[in-house]
mmCIF file of all heavy atoms, coordinates in Angstrom:
data_MODEL
# 
_entry.id   MODEL 
# 
loop_
_atom_site.group_PDB 
_atom_site.id 
_atom_site.type_symbol 
_atom_site.label_atom_id 
_atom_site.label_alt_id 
_atom_site.label_comp_id 
_atom_site.label_asym_id 
_atom_site.label_entity_id 
_atom_site.label_seq_id 
_atom_site.pdbx_PDB_ins_code 
_atom_site.Cartn_x 
_atom_site.Cartn_y 
_atom_site.Cartn_z 
_atom_site.occupancy 
_atom_site.B_iso_or_equiv 
_atom_site.pdbx_formal_charge 
_atom_site.auth_seq_id 
_atom_site.auth_comp_id 
_atom_site.auth_asym_id 
_atom_site.auth_atom_id 
_atom_site.pdbx_PDB_model_num 
ATOM 1   N N   . LEU A 1 1  ? 0.826   -1.206  0.000   1.00 0.00 ? 1  LEU A N   1 
ATOM 2   C CA  . LEU A 1 1  ? 0.000   0.000   0.000   1.00 0.00 ? 1  LEU A CA  1 
ATOM 3   C C   . LEU A 1 1  ? 0.862   1.258   0.000   1.00 0.00 ? 1  LEU A C   1 
ATOM 4   O O   . LEU A 1 1  ? 0.550   2.243   -0.691  1.00 0.00 ? 1  LEU A O   1 
ATOM 5   C CB  . LEU A 1 1  ? -0.923  0.002   1.226   1.00 0.00 ? 1  LEU A CB  1 
ATOM 6   C CG  . LEU A 1 1  ? -2.152  -0.902  1.147   1.00 0.00 ? 1  LEU A CG  1 
ATOM 7   C CD1 . LEU A 1 1  ? -2.780  -1.048  2.528   1.00 0.00 ? 1  LEU A CD1 1 
ATOM 8   C CD2 . LEU A 1 1  ? -3.169  -0.328  0.165   1.00 0.00 ? 1  LEU A CD2 1 
ATOM 9   N N   . LEU A 1 2  ? 1.936   1.219   0.775   1.00 0.00 ? 2  LEU A N   1 
ATOM 10  C CA  . LEU A 1 2  ? 2.853   2.356   0.824   1.00 0.00 ? 2  LEU A CA  1 
ATOM 11  C C   . LEU A 1 2  ? 3.440   2.622   -0.566  1.00 0.00 ? 2  LEU A C   1 
ATOM 12  O O   . LEU A 1 2  ? 3.490   3.774   -1.024  1.00 0.00 ? 2  LEU A O   1 
ATOM 13  C CB  . LEU A 1 2  ? 3.959   2.080   1.844   1.00 0.00 ? 2  LEU A CB  1 
ATOM 14  C CG  . LEU A 1 2  ? 5.011   3.179   2.032   1.00 0.00 ? 2  LEU A CG  1 
ATOM 15  C CD1 . LEU A 1 2  ? 4.373   4.472   2.505   1.00 0.00 ? 2  LEU A CD1 1 
ATOM 16  C CD2 . LEU A 1 2  ? 6.072   2.713   3.030   1.00 0.00 ? 2  LEU A CD2 1 
ATOM 17  N N   . VAL A 1 3  ? 3.863   1.561   -1.231  1.00 0.00 ? 3  VAL A N   1 
ATOM 18  C CA  . VAL A 1 3  ? 4.429   1.707   -2.579  1.00 0.00 ? 3  VAL A CA  1 
ATOM 19  C C   . VAL A 1 3  ? 3.359   2.210   -3.550  1.00 0.00 ? 3  VAL A C   1 
ATOM 20  O O   . VAL A 1 3  ? 3.628   3.080   -4.393  1.00 0.00 ? 3  VAL A O   1 
ATOM 21  C CB  . VAL A 1 3  ? 5.017   0.361   -3.061  1.00 0.00 ? 3  VAL A CB  1 
ATOM 22  C CG1 . VAL A 1 3  ? 5.427   0.448   -4.525  1.00 0.00 ? 3  VAL A CG1 1 
ATOM 23  C CG2 . VAL A 1 3  ? 6.209   -0.037  -2.204  1.00 0.00 ? 3  VAL A CG2 1 
ATOM 24  N N   . MET A 1 4  ? 2.137   1.676   -3.450  1.00 0.00 ? 4  MET A N   1 
ATOM 25  C CA  . MET A 1 4  ? 1.044   2.149   -4.305  1.00 0.00 ? 4  MET A CA  1 
ATOM 26  C C   . MET A 1 4  ? 0.856   3.659   -4.180  1.00 0.00 ? 4  MET A C   1 
ATOM 27  O O   . MET A 1 4  ? 0.663   4.370   -5.178  1.00 0.00 ? 4  MET A O   1 
ATOM 28  C CB  . MET A 1 4  ? -0.269  1.445   -3.926  1.00 0.00 ? 4  MET A CB  1 
ATOM 29  C CG  . MET A 1 4  ? -0.384  0.006   -4.344  1.00 0.00 ? 4  MET A CG  1 
ATOM 30  S SD  . MET A 1 4  ? -1.998  -0.656  -3.843  1.00 0.00 ? 4  MET A SD  1 
ATOM 31  C CE  . MET A 1 4  ? -1.793  -2.396  -4.208  1.00 0.00 ? 4  MET A CE  1 
ATOM 32  N N   . GLY A 1 5  ? 0.895   4.141   -2.946  1.00 0.00 ? 5  GLY A N   1 
ATOM 33  C CA  . GLY A 1 5  ? 0.724   5.571   -2.733  1.00 0.00 ? 5  GLY A CA  1 
ATOM 34  C C   . GLY A 1 5  ? 1.876   6.372   -3.290  1.00 0.00 ? 5  GLY A C   1 
ATOM 35  O O   . GLY A 1 5  ? 1.681   7.424   -3.906  1.00 0.00 ? 5  GLY A O   1 
ATOM 36  N N   . LEU A 1 6  ? 3.105   5.903   -3.078  1.00 0.00 ? 6  LEU A N   1 
ATOM 37  C CA  . LEU A 1 6  ? 4.289   6.640   -3.524  1.00 0.00 ? 6  LEU A CA  1 
ATOM 38  C C   . LEU A 1 6  ? 4.394   6.710   -5.048  1.00 0.00 ? 6  LEU A C   1 
ATOM 39  O O   . LEU A 1 6  ? 4.942   7.669   -5.592  1.00 0.00 ? 6  LEU A O   1 
ATOM 40  C CB  . LEU A 1 6  ? 5.551   6.012   -2.934  1.00 0.00 ? 6  LEU A CB  1 
ATOM 41  C CG  . LEU A 1 6  ? 5.717   6.138   -1.409  1.00 0.00 ? 6  LEU A CG  1 
ATOM 42  C CD1 . LEU A 1 6  ? 6.951   5.399   -0.942  1.00 0.00 ? 6  LEU A CD1 1 
ATOM 43  C CD2 . LEU A 1 6  ? 5.781   7.603   -0.992  1.00 0.00 ? 6  LEU A CD2 1 
ATOM 44  N N   . VAL A 1 7  ? 3.878   5.685   -5.738  1.00 0.00 ? 7  VAL A N   1 
ATOM 45  C CA  . VAL A 1 7  ? 3.929   5.704   -7.212  1.00 0.00 ? 7  VAL A CA  1 
ATOM 46  C C   . VAL A 1 7  ? 2.618   6.215   -7.803  1.00 0.00 ? 7  VAL A C   1 
ATOM 47  O O   . VAL A 1 7  ? 2.344   6.037   -8.993  1.00 0.00 ? 7  VAL A O   1 
ATOM 48  C CB  . VAL A 1 7  ? 4.264   4.307   -7.780  1.00 0.00 ? 7  VAL A CB  1 
ATOM 49  C CG1 . VAL A 1 7  ? 5.616   3.836   -7.302  1.00 0.00 ? 7  VAL A CG1 1 
ATOM 50  C CG2 . VAL A 1 7  ? 3.187   3.282   -7.434  1.00 0.00 ? 7  VAL A CG2 1 
ATOM 51  N N   . ARG A 1 8  ? 1.799   6.839   -6.959  1.00 0.00 ? 8  ARG A N   1 
ATOM 52  C CA  . ARG A 1 8  ? 0.540   7.478   -7.391  1.00 0.00 ? 8  ARG A CA  1 
ATOM 53  C C   . ARG A 1 8  ? -0.442  6.490   -7.994  1.00 0.00 ? 8  ARG A C   1 
ATOM 54  O O   . ARG A 1 8  ? -1.024  6.732   -9.058  1.00 0.00 ? 8  ARG A O   1 
ATOM 55  C CB  . ARG A 1 8  ? 0.831   8.590   -8.397  1.00 0.00 ? 8  ARG A CB  1 
ATOM 56  C CG  . ARG A 1 8  ? 1.739   9.674   -7.876  1.00 0.00 ? 8  ARG A CG  1 
ATOM 57  C CD  . ARG A 1 8  ? 1.843   10.767  -8.910  1.00 0.00 ? 8  ARG A CD  1 
ATOM 58  N NE  . ARG A 1 8  ? 2.899   11.705  -8.580  1.00 0.00 ? 8  ARG A NE  1 
ATOM 59  C CZ  . ARG A 1 8  ? 3.231   12.752  -9.316  1.00 0.00 ? 8  ARG A CZ  1 
ATOM 60  N NH1 . ARG A 1 8  ? 2.581   12.980  -10.438 1.00 0.00 ? 8  ARG A NH1 1 
ATOM 61  N NH2 . ARG A 1 8  ? 4.197   13.553  -8.957  1.00 0.00 ? 8  ARG A NH2 1 
ATOM 62  N N   . PHE A 1 9  ? -0.620  5.385   -7.317  1.00 0.00 ? 9  PHE A N   1 
ATOM 63  C CA  . PHE A 1 9  ? -1.536  4.359   -7.801  1.00 0.00 ? 9  PHE A CA  1 
ATOM 64  C C   . PHE A 1 9  ? -2.974  4.648   -7.384  1.00 0.00 ? 9  PHE A C   1 
ATOM 65  O O   . PHE A 1 9  ? -3.894  3.955   -7.786  1.00 0.00 ? 9  PHE A O   1 
ATOM 66  C CB  . PHE A 1 9  ? -1.088  2.993   -7.265  1.00 0.00 ? 9  PHE A CB  1 
ATOM 67  C CG  . PHE A 1 9  ? -1.600  1.820   -8.050  1.00 0.00 ? 9  PHE A CG  1 
ATOM 68  C CD1 . PHE A 1 9  ? -1.176  1.614   -9.350  1.00 0.00 ? 9  PHE A CD1 1 
ATOM 69  C CD2 . PHE A 1 9  ? -2.501  0.920   -7.495  1.00 0.00 ? 9  PHE A CD2 1 
ATOM 70  C CE1 . PHE A 1 9  ? -1.633  0.535   -10.083 1.00 0.00 ? 9  PHE A CE1 1 
ATOM 71  C CE2 . PHE A 1 9  ? -2.964  -0.163  -8.215  1.00 0.00 ? 9  PHE A CE2 1 
ATOM 72  C CZ  . PHE A 1 9  ? -2.533  -0.356  -9.512  1.00 0.00 ? 9  PHE A CZ  1 
ATOM 73  N N   . GLY A 1 10 ? -3.161  5.686   -6.578  1.00 0.00 ? 10 GLY A N   1 
ATOM 74  C CA  . GLY A 1 10 ? -4.490  5.982   -6.042  1.00 0.00 ? 10 GLY A CA  1 
ATOM 75  C C   . GLY A 1 10 ? -5.530  6.213   -7.119  1.00 0.00 ? 10 GLY A C   1 
ATOM 76  O O   . GLY A 1 10 ? -6.676  5.770   -6.997  1.00 0.00 ? 10 GLY A O   1 
ATOM 77  N N   . ALA A 1 11 ? -5.147  6.927   -8.185  1.00 0.00 ? 11 ALA A N   1 
ATOM 78  C CA  . ALA A 1 11 ? -6.109  7.219   -9.243  1.00 0.00 ? 11 ALA A CA  1 
ATOM 79  C C   . ALA A 1 11 ? -6.500  5.966   -10.016 1.00 0.00 ? 11 ALA A C   1 
ATOM 80  O O   . ALA A 1 11 ? -7.628  5.853   -10.502 1.00 0.00 ? 11 ALA A O   1 
ATOM 81  C CB  . ALA A 1 11 ? -5.529  8.259   -10.195 1.00 0.00 ? 11 ALA A CB  1 
ATOM 82  N N   . VAL A 1 12 ? -5.583  5.007   -10.125 1.00 0.00 ? 12 VAL A N   1 
ATOM 83  C CA  . VAL A 1 12 ? -5.857  3.790   -10.892 1.00 0.00 ? 12 VAL A CA  1 
ATOM 84  C C   . VAL A 1 12 ? -6.938  2.955   -10.220 1.00 0.00 ? 12 VAL A C   1 
ATOM 85  O O   . VAL A 1 12 ? -7.800  2.366   -10.882 1.00 0.00 ? 12 VAL A O   1 
ATOM 86  C CB  . VAL A 1 12 ? -4.566  2.961   -11.072 1.00 0.00 ? 12 VAL A CB  1 
ATOM 87  C CG1 . VAL A 1 12 ? -4.841  1.670   -11.824 1.00 0.00 ? 12 VAL A CG1 1 
ATOM 88  C CG2 . VAL A 1 12 ? -3.519  3.786   -11.805 1.00 0.00 ? 12 VAL A CG2 1 
ATOM 89  N N   . ILE A 1 13 ? -6.907  2.896   -8.888  1.00 0.00 ? 13 ILE A N   1 
ATOM 90  C CA  . ILE A 1 13 ? -7.888  2.111   -8.135  1.00 0.00 ? 13 ILE A CA  1 
ATOM 91  C C   . ILE A 1 13 ? -9.308  2.569   -8.462  1.00 0.00 ? 13 ILE A C   1 
ATOM 92  O O   . ILE A 1 13 ? -10.252 1.777   -8.486  1.00 0.00 ? 13 ILE A O   1 
ATOM 93  C CB  . ILE A 1 13 ? -7.621  2.243   -6.619  1.00 0.00 ? 13 ILE A CB  1 
ATOM 94  C CG1 . ILE A 1 13 ? -6.265  1.642   -6.261  1.00 0.00 ? 13 ILE A CG1 1 
ATOM 95  C CG2 . ILE A 1 13 ? -8.717  1.567   -5.809  1.00 0.00 ? 13 ILE A CG2 1 
ATOM 96  C CD1 . ILE A 1 13 ? -6.168  0.155   -6.439  1.00 0.00 ? 13 ILE A CD1 1 
ATOM 97  N N   . LYS A 1 14 ? -9.467  3.864   -8.758  1.00 0.00 ? 14 LYS A N   1 
ATOM 98  C CA  . LYS A 1 14 ? -10.797 4.403   -9.020  1.00 0.00 ? 14 LYS A CA  1 
ATOM 99  C C   . LYS A 1 14 ? -11.406 3.849   -10.299 1.00 0.00 ? 14 LYS A C   1 
ATOM 100 O O   . LYS A 1 14 ? -12.603 3.994   -10.532 1.00 0.00 ? 14 LYS A O   1 
ATOM 101 C CB  . LYS A 1 14 ? -10.730 5.929   -9.110  1.00 0.00 ? 14 LYS A CB  1 
ATOM 102 C CG  . LYS A 1 14 ? -10.265 6.600   -7.822  1.00 0.00 ? 14 LYS A CG  1 
ATOM 103 C CD  . LYS A 1 14 ? -10.122 8.101   -8.019  1.00 0.00 ? 14 LYS A CD  1 
ATOM 104 C CE  . LYS A 1 14 ? -9.568  8.774   -6.766  1.00 0.00 ? 14 LYS A CE  1 
ATOM 105 N NZ  . LYS A 1 14 ? -9.354  10.224  -6.957  1.00 0.00 ? 14 LYS A NZ  1 
ATOM 106 N N   . TYR A 1 15 ? -10.588 3.238   -11.158 1.00 0.00 ? 15 TYR A N   1 
ATOM 107 C CA  . TYR A 1 15 ? -11.078 2.762   -12.437 1.00 0.00 ? 15 TYR A CA  1 
ATOM 108 C C   . TYR A 1 15 ? -11.683 1.366   -12.364 1.00 0.00 ? 15 TYR A C   1 
ATOM 109 O O   . TYR A 1 15 ? -12.086 0.816   -13.390 1.00 0.00 ? 15 TYR A O   1 
ATOM 110 C CB  . TYR A 1 15 ? -9.951  2.783   -13.471 1.00 0.00 ? 15 TYR A CB  1 
ATOM 111 C CG  . TYR A 1 15 ? -9.445  4.174   -13.785 1.00 0.00 ? 15 TYR A CG  1 
ATOM 112 C CD1 . TYR A 1 15 ? -8.085  4.444   -13.852 1.00 0.00 ? 15 TYR A CD1 1 
ATOM 113 C CD2 . TYR A 1 15 ? -10.331 5.222   -13.986 1.00 0.00 ? 15 TYR A CD2 1 
ATOM 114 C CE1 . TYR A 1 15 ? -7.618  5.722   -14.120 1.00 0.00 ? 15 TYR A CE1 1 
ATOM 115 C CE2 . TYR A 1 15 ? -9.881  6.502   -14.250 1.00 0.00 ? 15 TYR A CE2 1 
ATOM 116 C CZ  . TYR A 1 15 ? -8.523  6.744   -14.325 1.00 0.00 ? 15 TYR A CZ  1 
ATOM 117 O OH  . TYR A 1 15 ? -8.077  8.000   -14.594 1.00 0.00 ? 15 TYR A OH  1 
ATOM 118 N N   . ILE A 1 16 ? -11.728 0.764   -11.186 1.00 0.00 ? 16 ILE A N   1 
ATOM 119 C CA  . ILE A 1 16 ? -12.404 -0.537  -11.071 1.00 0.00 ? 16 ILE A CA  1 
ATOM 120 C C   . ILE A 1 16 ? -13.900 -0.304  -11.247 1.00 0.00 ? 16 ILE A C   1 
ATOM 121 O O   . ILE A 1 16 ? -14.494 0.496   -10.530 1.00 0.00 ? 16 ILE A O   1 
ATOM 122 C CB  . ILE A 1 16 ? -12.102 -1.188  -9.710  1.00 0.00 ? 16 ILE A CB  1 
ATOM 123 C CG1 . ILE A 1 16 ? -10.604 -1.512  -9.617  1.00 0.00 ? 16 ILE A CG1 1 
ATOM 124 C CG2 . ILE A 1 16 ? -12.929 -2.459  -9.522  1.00 0.00 ? 16 ILE A CG2 1 
ATOM 125 C CD1 . ILE A 1 16 ? -10.192 -2.146  -8.318  1.00 0.00 ? 16 ILE A CD1 1 
ATOM 126 N N   . PRO A 1 17 ? -14.543 -0.983  -12.215 1.00 0.00 ? 17 PRO A N   1 
ATOM 127 C CA  . PRO A 1 17 ? -15.943 -0.678  -12.557 1.00 0.00 ? 17 PRO A CA  1 
ATOM 128 C C   . PRO A 1 17 ? -16.913 -0.961  -11.419 1.00 0.00 ? 17 PRO A C   1 
ATOM 129 O O   . PRO A 1 17 ? -16.683 -1.846  -10.582 1.00 0.00 ? 17 PRO A O   1 
ATOM 130 C CB  . PRO A 1 17 ? -16.213 -1.605  -13.751 1.00 0.00 ? 17 PRO A CB  1 
ATOM 131 C CG  . PRO A 1 17 ? -14.878 -2.031  -14.242 1.00 0.00 ? 17 PRO A CG  1 
ATOM 132 C CD  . PRO A 1 17 ? -13.966 -2.029  -13.049 1.00 0.00 ? 17 PRO A CD  1 
ATOM 133 N N   . ALA A 1 18 ? -18.015 -0.222  -11.419 1.00 0.00 ? 18 ALA A N   1 
ATOM 134 C CA  . ALA A 1 18 ? -19.032 -0.363  -10.376 1.00 0.00 ? 18 ALA A CA  1 
ATOM 135 C C   . ALA A 1 18 ? -19.609 -1.778  -10.296 1.00 0.00 ? 18 ALA A C   1 
ATOM 136 O O   . ALA A 1 18 ? -19.809 -2.290  -9.180  1.00 0.00 ? 18 ALA A O   1 
ATOM 137 C CB  . ALA A 1 18 ? -20.152 0.654   -10.600 1.00 0.00 ? 18 ALA A CB  1 
ATOM 138 N N   . PRO A 1 19 ? -19.902 -2.471  -11.419 1.00 0.00 ? 19 PRO A N   1 
ATOM 139 C CA  . PRO A 1 19 ? -20.434 -3.834  -11.292 1.00 0.00 ? 19 PRO A CA  1 
ATOM 140 C C   . PRO A 1 19 ? -19.486 -4.782  -10.554 1.00 0.00 ? 19 PRO A C   1 
ATOM 141 O O   . PRO A 1 19 ? -19.937 -5.676  -9.839  1.00 0.00 ? 19 PRO A O   1 
ATOM 142 C CB  . PRO A 1 19 ? -20.622 -4.271  -12.752 1.00 0.00 ? 19 PRO A CB  1 
ATOM 143 C CG  . PRO A 1 19 ? -20.800 -3.009  -13.509 1.00 0.00 ? 19 PRO A CG  1 
ATOM 144 C CD  . PRO A 1 19 ? -19.911 -2.013  -12.826 1.00 0.00 ? 19 PRO A CD  1 
ATOM 145 N N   . VAL A 1 20 ? -18.182 -4.579  -10.723 1.00 0.00 ? 20 VAL A N   1 
ATOM 146 C CA  . VAL A 1 20 ? -17.202 -5.422  -10.024 1.00 0.00 ? 20 VAL A CA  1 
ATOM 147 C C   . VAL A 1 20 ? -17.227 -5.117  -8.532  1.00 0.00 ? 20 VAL A C   1 
ATOM 148 O O   . VAL A 1 20 ? -17.260 -6.024  -7.689  1.00 0.00 ? 20 VAL A O   1 
ATOM 149 C CB  . VAL A 1 20 ? -15.789 -5.215  -10.604 1.00 0.00 ? 20 VAL A CB  1 
ATOM 150 C CG1 . VAL A 1 20 ? -14.760 -6.032  -9.815  1.00 0.00 ? 20 VAL A CG1 1 
ATOM 151 C CG2 . VAL A 1 20 ? -15.757 -5.612  -12.067 1.00 0.00 ? 20 VAL A CG2 1 
ATOM 152 N N   . ILE A 1 21 ? -17.230 -3.828  -8.175  1.00 0.00 ? 21 ILE A N   1 
ATOM 153 C CA  . ILE A 1 21 ? -17.219 -3.438  -6.756  1.00 0.00 ? 21 ILE A CA  1 
ATOM 154 C C   . ILE A 1 21 ? -18.490 -3.900  -6.062  1.00 0.00 ? 21 ILE A C   1 
ATOM 155 O O   . ILE A 1 21 ? -18.452 -4.492  -4.977  1.00 0.00 ? 21 ILE A O   1 
ATOM 156 C CB  . ILE A 1 21 ? -17.049 -1.911  -6.628  1.00 0.00 ? 21 ILE A CB  1 
ATOM 157 C CG1 . ILE A 1 21 ? -15.656 -1.486  -7.106  1.00 0.00 ? 21 ILE A CG1 1 
ATOM 158 C CG2 . ILE A 1 21 ? -17.267 -1.463  -5.185  1.00 0.00 ? 21 ILE A CG2 1 
ATOM 159 C CD1 . ILE A 1 21 ? -15.435 0.009   -7.112  1.00 0.00 ? 21 ILE A CD1 1 
ATOM 160 N N   . VAL A 1 22 ? -19.642 -3.641  -6.680  1.00 0.00 ? 22 VAL A N   1 
ATOM 161 C CA  . VAL A 1 22 ? -20.920 -4.055  -6.078  1.00 0.00 ? 22 VAL A CA  1 
ATOM 162 C C   . VAL A 1 22 ? -20.991 -5.576  -6.002  1.00 0.00 ? 22 VAL A C   1 
ATOM 163 O O   . VAL A 1 22 ? -21.455 -6.139  -4.996  1.00 0.00 ? 22 VAL A O   1 
ATOM 164 C CB  . VAL A 1 22 ? -22.109 -3.497  -6.893  1.00 0.00 ? 22 VAL A CB  1 
ATOM 165 C CG1 . VAL A 1 22 ? -23.432 -4.056  -6.366  1.00 0.00 ? 22 VAL A CG1 1 
ATOM 166 C CG2 . VAL A 1 22 ? -22.125 -1.975  -6.824  1.00 0.00 ? 22 VAL A CG2 1 
ATOM 167 N N   . GLY A 1 23 ? -20.507 -6.265  -7.033  1.00 0.00 ? 23 GLY A N   1 
ATOM 168 C CA  . GLY A 1 23 ? -20.556 -7.724  -7.051  1.00 0.00 ? 23 GLY A CA  1 
ATOM 169 C C   . GLY A 1 23 ? -19.747 -8.353  -5.933  1.00 0.00 ? 23 GLY A C   1 
ATOM 170 O O   . GLY A 1 23 ? -20.253 -9.209  -5.197  1.00 0.00 ? 23 GLY A O   1 
ATOM 171 N N   . PHE A 1 24 ? -18.480 -7.927  -5.776  1.00 0.00 ? 24 PHE A N   1 
ATOM 172 C CA  . PHE A 1 24 ? -17.672 -8.577  -4.733  1.00 0.00 ? 24 PHE A CA  1 
ATOM 173 C C   . PHE A 1 24 ? -18.076 -8.103  -3.338  1.00 0.00 ? 24 PHE A C   1 
ATOM 174 O O   . PHE A 1 24 ? -17.991 -8.867  -2.372  1.00 0.00 ? 24 PHE A O   1 
ATOM 175 C CB  . PHE A 1 24 ? -16.172 -8.417  -4.999  1.00 0.00 ? 24 PHE A CB  1 
ATOM 176 C CG  . PHE A 1 24 ? -15.535 -7.121  -4.594  1.00 0.00 ? 24 PHE A CG  1 
ATOM 177 C CD1 . PHE A 1 24 ? -15.367 -6.765  -3.265  1.00 0.00 ? 24 PHE A CD1 1 
ATOM 178 C CD2 . PHE A 1 24 ? -15.044 -6.255  -5.564  1.00 0.00 ? 24 PHE A CD2 1 
ATOM 179 C CE1 . PHE A 1 24 ? -14.743 -5.583  -2.906  1.00 0.00 ? 24 PHE A CE1 1 
ATOM 180 C CE2 . PHE A 1 24 ? -14.424 -5.074  -5.216  1.00 0.00 ? 24 PHE A CE2 1 
ATOM 181 C CZ  . PHE A 1 24 ? -14.281 -4.729  -3.875  1.00 0.00 ? 24 PHE A CZ  1 
ATOM 182 N N   . THR A 1 25 ? -18.546 -6.863  -3.208  1.00 0.00 ? 25 THR A N   1 
ATOM 183 C CA  . THR A 1 25 ? -19.001 -6.386  -1.897  1.00 0.00 ? 25 THR A CA  1 
ATOM 184 C C   . THR A 1 25 ? -20.230 -7.164  -1.438  1.00 0.00 ? 25 THR A C   1 
ATOM 185 O O   . THR A 1 25 ? -20.316 -7.588  -0.276  1.00 0.00 ? 25 THR A O   1 
ATOM 186 C CB  . THR A 1 25 ? -19.320 -4.877  -1.945  1.00 0.00 ? 25 THR A CB  1 
ATOM 187 O OG1 . THR A 1 25 ? -18.164 -4.159  -2.389  1.00 0.00 ? 25 THR A OG1 1 
ATOM 188 C CG2 . THR A 1 25 ? -19.718 -4.366  -0.573  1.00 0.00 ? 25 THR A CG2 1 
ATOM 189 N N   . SER A 1 26 ? -21.184 -7.352  -2.332  1.00 0.00 ? 26 SER A N   1 
ATOM 190 C CA  . SER A 1 26 ? -22.386 -8.125  -1.983  1.00 0.00 ? 26 SER A CA  1 
ATOM 191 C C   . SER A 1 26 ? -22.037 -9.586  -1.715  1.00 0.00 ? 26 SER A C   1 
ATOM 192 O O   . SER A 1 26 ? -22.608 -10.218 -0.813  1.00 0.00 ? 26 SER A O   1 
ATOM 193 C CB  . SER A 1 26 ? -23.414 -8.037  -3.119  1.00 0.00 ? 26 SER A CB  1 
ATOM 194 O OG  . SER A 1 26 ? -23.821 -6.708  -3.325  1.00 0.00 ? 26 SER A OG  1 
ATOM 195 N N   . GLY A 1 27 ? -21.082 -10.115 -2.473  1.00 0.00 ? 27 GLY A N   1 
ATOM 196 C CA  . GLY A 1 27 ? -20.644 -11.492 -2.236  1.00 0.00 ? 27 GLY A CA  1 
ATOM 197 C C   . GLY A 1 27 ? -20.011 -11.667 -0.871  1.00 0.00 ? 27 GLY A C   1 
ATOM 198 O O   . GLY A 1 27 ? -20.281 -12.646 -0.160  1.00 0.00 ? 27 GLY A O   1 
# 
């Protein structure tokens, strides 16, 4: 997580589509 933040990976995480997030969260 520390490396993700230092290499500016934060914006990339936002690109995970809503159907994937809702699907695994509900699961």
